[in-house]
Amino acid sequence: YFFNDAIIHSATGAQSVTVKAADSVQKPLFGTARGRISGSVADEDKRPVAAARLNARATAAGNMFSFNLMPGRFGGEAAYSAPDGHFVLREVEVDSDVQVDALKRGYPGAKSVAMKLAPGEKKTGVMITIPRGVAVTGRVTDKDNKPLSGVAVEPVESANDAMAGMRRMVIAN
């Protein structure tokens, strides 16, 4: 490769290397082997869930603001479950608490227990159960009880607070 300045990205972060014309530079690079998580996704009746999107993400134990703002960024790329529900997540962050999120259109989200992988560790047998969920029906009205159109209603899991286990409804115009 021919270049004057380069930034080399590795598992330990970016490292800068400056090379002048006609010079040669040798620089040892050190990295950490990522982990791998494999397992299955099933519904409450133990039937495999195909095409669920899975992603490993950092957990913040005890942090009520723990949620994934950038899917696919922390623990490598997302994976999808096979027709038999099996999945493999590669390039998972190591030496940090992670959990696997499973999302499937038409189902509520689910997550694994938190786990910590050592460099190069291959965690197998992770089982994620996607619950049936709850059907919610109703009407959104204004203060005069007139129906509103074009309003999105989305269930959002509440944080670990006094209302844990409850659902809050977010309404946006």
C-alpha atoms as a PDB file:
ATOM      1  CA  TYR A   1       0.000   0.000   0.000  1.00  0.00           C
ATOM      2  CA  PHE A   2       1.203   3.501  -0.766  1.00  0.00           C
ATOM      3  CA  PHE A   3       0.110   6.357   1.491  1.00  0.00           C
ATOM      4  CA  ASN A   4       1.590   9.280   3.412  1.00  0.00           C
ATOM      5  CA  ASP A   5      -0.602   9.171   6.532  1.00  0.00           C
ATOM      6  CA  ALA A   6      -2.831   6.358   7.617  1.00  0.00           C
ATOM      7  CA  ILE A   7      -5.141   5.529  10.443  1.00  0.00           C
ATOM      8  CA  ILE A   8      -5.341   1.840  11.123  1.00  0.00           C
ATOM      9  CA  HIS A   9      -8.476   0.587  12.853  1.00  0.00           C
ATOM     10  CA  SER A  10      -8.120  -2.418  15.098  1.00  0.00           C
ATOM     11  CA  ALA A  11     -10.030  -4.081  17.921  1.00  0.00           C
ATOM     12  CA  THR A  12      -8.132  -1.859  20.364  1.00  0.00           C
ATOM     13  CA  GLY A  13      -9.111   1.358  18.572  1.00  0.00           C
ATOM     14  CA  ALA A  14      -7.572   3.546  15.893  1.00  0.00           C
ATOM     15  CA  GLN A  15      -3.802   3.804  15.700  1.00  0.00           C
ATOM     16  CA  SER A  16      -2.049   6.496  13.706  1.00  0.00           C
ATOM     17  CA  VAL A  17       0.950   5.727  11.498  1.00  0.00           C
ATOM     18  CA  THR A  18       2.916   8.408   9.629  1.00  0.00           C
ATOM     19  CA  VAL A  19       5.031   7.329   6.666  1.00  0.00           C
ATOM     20  CA  LYS A  20       7.171   9.685   4.588  1.00  0.00           C
ATOM     21  CA  ALA A  21       7.775   9.113   0.894  1.00  0.00           C
ATOM     22  CA  ALA A  22      10.145   6.187   0.205  1.00  0.00           C
ATOM     23  CA  ASP A  23      10.216   5.239   3.915  1.00  0.00           C
ATOM     24  CA  SER A  24       9.203   1.950   5.393  1.00  0.00           C
ATOM     25  CA  VAL A  25       7.548   1.573   8.803  1.00  0.00           C
ATOM     26  CA  GLN A  26       6.827  -1.514  10.840  1.00  0.00           C
ATOM     27  CA  LYS A  27       4.423  -1.205  13.753  1.00  0.00           C
ATOM     28  CA  PRO A  28       3.079  -4.114  15.758  1.00  0.00           C
ATOM     29  CA  LEU A  29      -0.693  -4.066  16.166  1.00  0.00           C
ATOM     30  CA  PHE A  30      -2.397  -5.831  19.023  1.00  0.00           C
ATOM     31  CA  GLY A  31      -6.044  -6.799  19.080  1.00  0.00           C
ATOM     32  CA  THR A  32      -8.499  -8.804  21.109  1.00  0.00           C
ATOM     33  CA  ALA A  33     -10.470 -11.703  19.676  1.00  0.00           C
ATOM     34  CA  ARG A  34     -14.202 -10.986  19.758  1.00  0.00           C
ATOM     35  CA  GLY A  35     -16.733 -13.434  21.112  1.00  0.00           C
ATOM     36  CA  ARG A  36     -19.522 -15.436  19.486  1.00  0.00           C
ATOM     37  CA  ILE A  37     -23.018 -16.138  20.820  1.00  0.00           C
ATOM     38  CA  SER A  38     -25.323 -18.801  19.389  1.00  0.00           C
ATOM     39  CA  GLY A  39     -28.690 -20.135  20.431  1.00  0.00           C
ATOM     40  CA  SER A  40     -32.362 -20.214  19.493  1.00  0.00           C
ATOM     41  CA  VAL A  41     -35.403 -17.958  19.415  1.00  0.00           C
ATOM     42  CA  ALA A  42     -38.819 -19.449  20.211  1.00  0.00           C
ATOM     43  CA  ASP A  43     -42.292 -18.240  21.141  1.00  0.00           C
ATOM     44  CA  GLU A  44     -44.052 -19.061  24.417  1.00  0.00           C
ATOM     45  CA  ASP A  45     -45.319 -22.334  22.911  1.00  0.00           C
ATOM     46  CA  LYS A  46     -41.682 -23.329  22.208  1.00  0.00           C
ATOM     47  CA  ARG A  47     -42.180 -23.011  18.436  1.00  0.00           C
ATOM     48  CA  PRO A  48     -39.141 -21.651  16.552  1.00  0.00           C
ATOM     49  CA  VAL A  49     -39.306 -18.015  15.494  1.00  0.00           C
ATOM     50  CA  ALA A  50     -37.752 -17.472  12.054  1.00  0.00           C
ATOM     51  CA  ALA A  51     -36.368 -14.146  10.786  1.00  0.00           C
ATOM     52  CA  ALA A  52     -36.080 -12.500  14.202  1.00  0.00           C
ATOM     53  CA  ARG A  53     -33.420  -9.766  14.154  1.00  0.00           C
ATOM     54  CA  LEU A  54     -30.796 -10.309  16.847  1.00  0.00           C
ATOM     55  CA  ASN A  55     -28.199  -7.912  18.135  1.00  0.00           C
ATOM     56  CA  ALA A  56     -25.781  -7.987  21.071  1.00  0.00           C
ATOM     57  CA  ARG A  57     -25.678  -4.746  23.029  1.00  0.00           C
ATOM     58  CA  ALA A  58     -24.104  -3.302  26.132  1.00  0.00           C
ATOM     59  CA  THR A  59     -26.091  -3.556  29.324  1.00  0.00           C
ATOM     60  CA  ALA A  60     -25.982  -0.952  32.010  1.00  0.00           C
ATOM     61  CA  ALA A  61     -26.972  -2.824  35.146  1.00  0.00           C
ATOM     62  CA  GLY A  62     -29.038  -0.592  37.359  1.00  0.00           C
ATOM     63  CA  ASN A  63     -29.212   2.155  34.742  1.00  0.00           C
ATOM     64  CA  MET A  64     -32.823   3.092  34.036  1.00  0.00           C
ATOM     65  CA  PHE A  65     -31.734   4.732  30.782  1.00  0.00           C
ATOM     66  CA  SER A  66     -30.264   1.525  29.359  1.00  0.00           C
ATOM     67  CA  PHE A  67     -31.469   1.131  25.796  1.00  0.00           C
ATOM     68  CA  ASN A  68     -29.921   0.567  22.402  1.00  0.00           C
ATOM     69  CA  LEU A  69     -29.644   3.800  20.403  1.00  0.00           C
ATOM     70  CA  MET A  70     -27.557   2.350  17.611  1.00  0.00           C
ATOM     71  CA  PRO A  71     -28.494  -1.250  16.751  1.00  0.00           C
ATOM     72  CA  GLY A  72     -25.624  -3.225  15.289  1.00  0.00           C
ATOM     73  CA  ARG A  73     -22.961  -0.835  16.600  1.00  0.00           C
ATOM     74  CA  PHE A  74     -21.865  -2.313  19.925  1.00  0.00           C
ATOM     75  CA  GLY A  75     -21.537  -6.024  19.430  1.00  0.00           C
ATOM     76  CA  GLY A  76     -20.914  -6.449  15.737  1.00  0.00           C
ATOM     77  CA  GLU A  77     -23.465  -6.827  13.018  1.00  0.00           C
ATOM     78  CA  ALA A  78     -27.005  -8.014  13.536  1.00  0.00           C
ATOM     79  CA  ALA A  79     -28.027 -11.561  12.673  1.00  0.00           C
ATOM     80  CA  TYR A  80     -31.350 -13.186  11.813  1.00  0.00           C
ATOM     81  CA  SER A  81     -32.773 -16.420  13.138  1.00  0.00           C
ATOM     82  CA  ALA A  82     -33.068 -19.365  10.730  1.00  0.00           C
ATOM     83  CA  PRO A  83     -36.367 -21.193  10.033  1.00  0.00           C
ATOM     84  CA  ASP A  84     -35.573 -23.481  12.991  1.00  0.00           C
ATOM     85  CA  GLY A  85     -35.038 -20.414  15.249  1.00  0.00           C
ATOM     86  CA  HIS A  86     -31.249 -20.904  15.479  1.00  0.00           C
ATOM     87  CA  PHE A  87     -28.943 -17.855  15.350  1.00  0.00           C
ATOM     88  CA  VAL A  88     -25.244 -17.014  15.513  1.00  0.00           C
ATOM     89  CA  LEU A  89     -23.914 -13.575  16.464  1.00  0.00           C
ATOM     90  CA  ARG A  90     -20.279 -13.038  15.527  1.00  0.00           C
ATOM     91  CA  GLU A  91     -17.938 -10.204  16.497  1.00  0.00           C
ATOM     92  CA  VAL A  92     -19.506  -9.750  19.950  1.00  0.00           C
ATOM     93  CA  GLU A  93     -17.800  -7.308  22.322  1.00  0.00           C
ATOM     94  CA  VAL A  94     -15.843  -9.018  25.098  1.00  0.00           C
ATOM     95  CA  ASP A  95     -15.016  -8.135  28.717  1.00  0.00           C
ATOM     96  CA  SER A  96     -18.260  -6.111  29.013  1.00  0.00           C
ATOM     97  CA  ASP A  97     -21.753  -7.086  30.088  1.00  0.00           C
ATOM     98  CA  VAL A  98     -23.871  -7.728  26.979  1.00  0.00           C
ATOM     99  CA  GLN A  99     -27.306  -9.090  26.263  1.00  0.00           C
ATOM    100  CA  VAL A 100     -28.960 -10.201  23.050  1.00  0.00           C
ATOM    101  CA  ASP A 101     -32.085  -8.400  21.832  1.00  0.00           C
ATOM    102  CA  ALA A 102     -34.529 -10.269  19.568  1.00  0.00           C
ATOM    103  CA  LEU A 103     -37.038  -8.360  17.449  1.00  0.00           C
ATOM    104  CA  LYS A 104     -39.664  -9.779  15.105  1.00  0.00           C
ATOM    105  CA  ARG A 105     -42.370  -7.757  13.404  1.00  0.00           C
ATOM    106  CA  GLY A 106     -45.735  -8.445  14.992  1.00  0.00           C
ATOM    107  CA  TYR A 107     -44.174  -9.673  18.258  1.00  0.00           C
ATOM    108  CA  PRO A 108     -42.999  -7.853  21.361  1.00  0.00           C
ATOM    109  CA  GLY A 109     -39.229  -7.600  21.751  1.00  0.00           C
ATOM    110  CA  ALA A 110     -37.325 -10.041  23.938  1.00  0.00           C
ATOM    111  CA  LYS A 111     -33.846 -10.160  25.428  1.00  0.00           C
ATOM    112  CA  SER A 112     -31.438 -12.668  26.891  1.00  0.00           C
ATOM    113  CA  VAL A 113     -29.950 -12.558  30.341  1.00  0.00           C
ATOM    114  CA  ALA A 114     -26.831 -10.416  30.689  1.00  0.00           C
ATOM    115  CA  MET A 115     -23.548 -12.205  30.079  1.00  0.00           C
ATOM    116  CA  LYS A 116     -19.852 -11.399  29.838  1.00  0.00           C
ATOM    117  CA  LEU A 117     -17.660 -13.135  27.276  1.00  0.00           C
ATOM    118  CA  ALA A 118     -13.912 -13.602  27.533  1.00  0.00           C
ATOM    119  CA  PRO A 119     -11.788 -12.851  24.444  1.00  0.00           C
ATOM    120  CA  GLY A 120     -12.444 -15.534  21.827  1.00  0.00           C
ATOM    121  CA  GLU A 121     -15.190 -17.210  23.899  1.00  0.00           C
ATOM    122  CA  LYS A 122     -18.029 -18.987  22.084  1.00  0.00           C
ATOM    123  CA  LYS A 123     -21.218 -18.935  24.161  1.00  0.00           C
ATOM    124  CA  THR A 124     -23.762 -21.538  23.001  1.00  0.00           C
ATOM    125  CA  GLY A 125     -27.270 -22.566  23.975  1.00  0.00           C
ATOM    126  CA  VAL A 126     -28.628 -19.056  24.562  1.00  0.00           C
ATOM    127  CA  MET A 127     -32.429 -19.336  24.523  1.00  0.00           C
ATOM    128  CA  ILE A 128     -34.597 -16.282  23.909  1.00  0.00           C
ATOM    129  CA  THR A 129     -38.365 -16.566  24.299  1.00  0.00           C
ATOM    130  CA  ILE A 130     -40.471 -13.969  22.519  1.00  0.00           C
ATOM    131  CA  PRO A 131     -43.745 -13.490  24.416  1.00  0.00           C
ATOM    132  CA  ARG A 132     -47.159 -13.412  22.765  1.00  0.00           C
ATOM    133  CA  GLY A 133     -47.746  -9.872  23.885  1.00  0.00           C
ATOM    134  CA  VAL A 134     -51.015  -8.112  24.565  1.00  0.00           C
ATOM    135  CA  ALA A 135     -53.501  -6.859  21.987  1.00  0.00           C
ATOM    136  CA  VAL A 136     -54.484  -3.257  22.676  1.00  0.00           C
ATOM    137  CA  THR A 137     -57.433  -1.575  21.000  1.00  0.00           C
ATOM    138  CA  GLY A 138     -58.954   1.831  21.460  1.00  0.00           C
ATOM    139  CA  ARG A 139     -59.444   5.305  20.057  1.00  0.00           C
ATOM    140  CA  VAL A 140     -57.312   8.408  20.353  1.00  0.00           C
ATOM    141  CA  THR A 141     -59.399  11.521  20.899  1.00  0.00           C
ATOM    142  CA  ASP A 142     -58.808  15.180  21.536  1.00  0.00           C
ATOM    143  CA  LYS A 143     -59.965  17.035  24.667  1.00  0.00           C
ATOM    144  CA  ASP A 144     -63.474  17.321  23.150  1.00  0.00           C
ATOM    145  CA  ASN A 145     -63.614  13.531  22.668  1.00  0.00           C
ATOM    146  CA  LYS A 146     -63.344  13.860  18.857  1.00  0.00           C
ATOM    147  CA  PRO A 147     -61.320  11.127  17.122  1.00  0.00           C
ATOM    148  CA  LEU A 148     -57.854  12.100  15.885  1.00  0.00           C
ATOM    149  CA  SER A 149     -56.399  10.713  12.677  1.00  0.00           C
ATOM    150  CA  GLY A 150     -52.747  10.180  11.786  1.00  0.00           C
ATOM    151  CA  VAL A 151     -51.744   9.515  15.392  1.00  0.00           C
ATOM    152  CA  ALA A 152     -49.151   6.836  16.144  1.00  0.00           C
ATOM    153  CA  VAL A 153     -49.470   4.828  19.352  1.00  0.00           C
ATOM    154  CA  GLU A 154     -46.471   2.782  20.389  1.00  0.00           C
ATOM    155  CA  PRO A 155     -45.989   0.664  23.526  1.00  0.00           C
ATOM    156  CA  VAL A 156     -42.724   1.340  25.304  1.00  0.00           C
ATOM    157  CA  GLU A 157     -41.313  -0.763  28.130  1.00  0.00           C
ATOM    158  CA  SER A 158     -41.119   1.272  31.287  1.00  0.00           C
ATOM    159  CA  ALA A 159     -37.814   1.818  33.043  1.00  0.00           C
ATOM    160  CA  ASN A 160     -36.920   0.132  36.334  1.00  0.00           C
ATOM    161  CA  ASP A 161     -38.877   2.523  38.487  1.00  0.00           C
ATOM    162  CA  ALA A 162     -41.879   2.371  40.788  1.00  0.00           C
ATOM    163  CA  MET A 163     -44.070   1.345  37.842  1.00  0.00           C
ATOM    164  CA  ALA A 164     -41.852  -1.544  36.713  1.00  0.00           C
ATOM    165  CA  GLY A 165     -43.753  -4.063  34.639  1.00  0.00           C
ATOM    166  CA  MET A 166     -46.292  -1.464  33.532  1.00  0.00           C
ATOM    167  CA  ARG A 167     -46.491  -0.138  29.993  1.00  0.00           C
ATOM    168  CA  ARG A 168     -46.559   3.523  29.066  1.00  0.00           C
ATOM    169  CA  MET A 169     -48.189   4.681  25.885  1.00  0.00           C
ATOM    170  CA  VAL A 170     -46.384   7.247  23.760  1.00  0.00           C
ATOM    171  CA  ILE A 171     -48.634   9.281  21.494  1.00  0.00           C
ATOM    172  CA  ALA A 172     -47.205  11.424  18.722  1.00  0.00           C
ATOM    173  CA  ASN A 173     -48.969  13.630  16.189  1.00  0.00           C
END
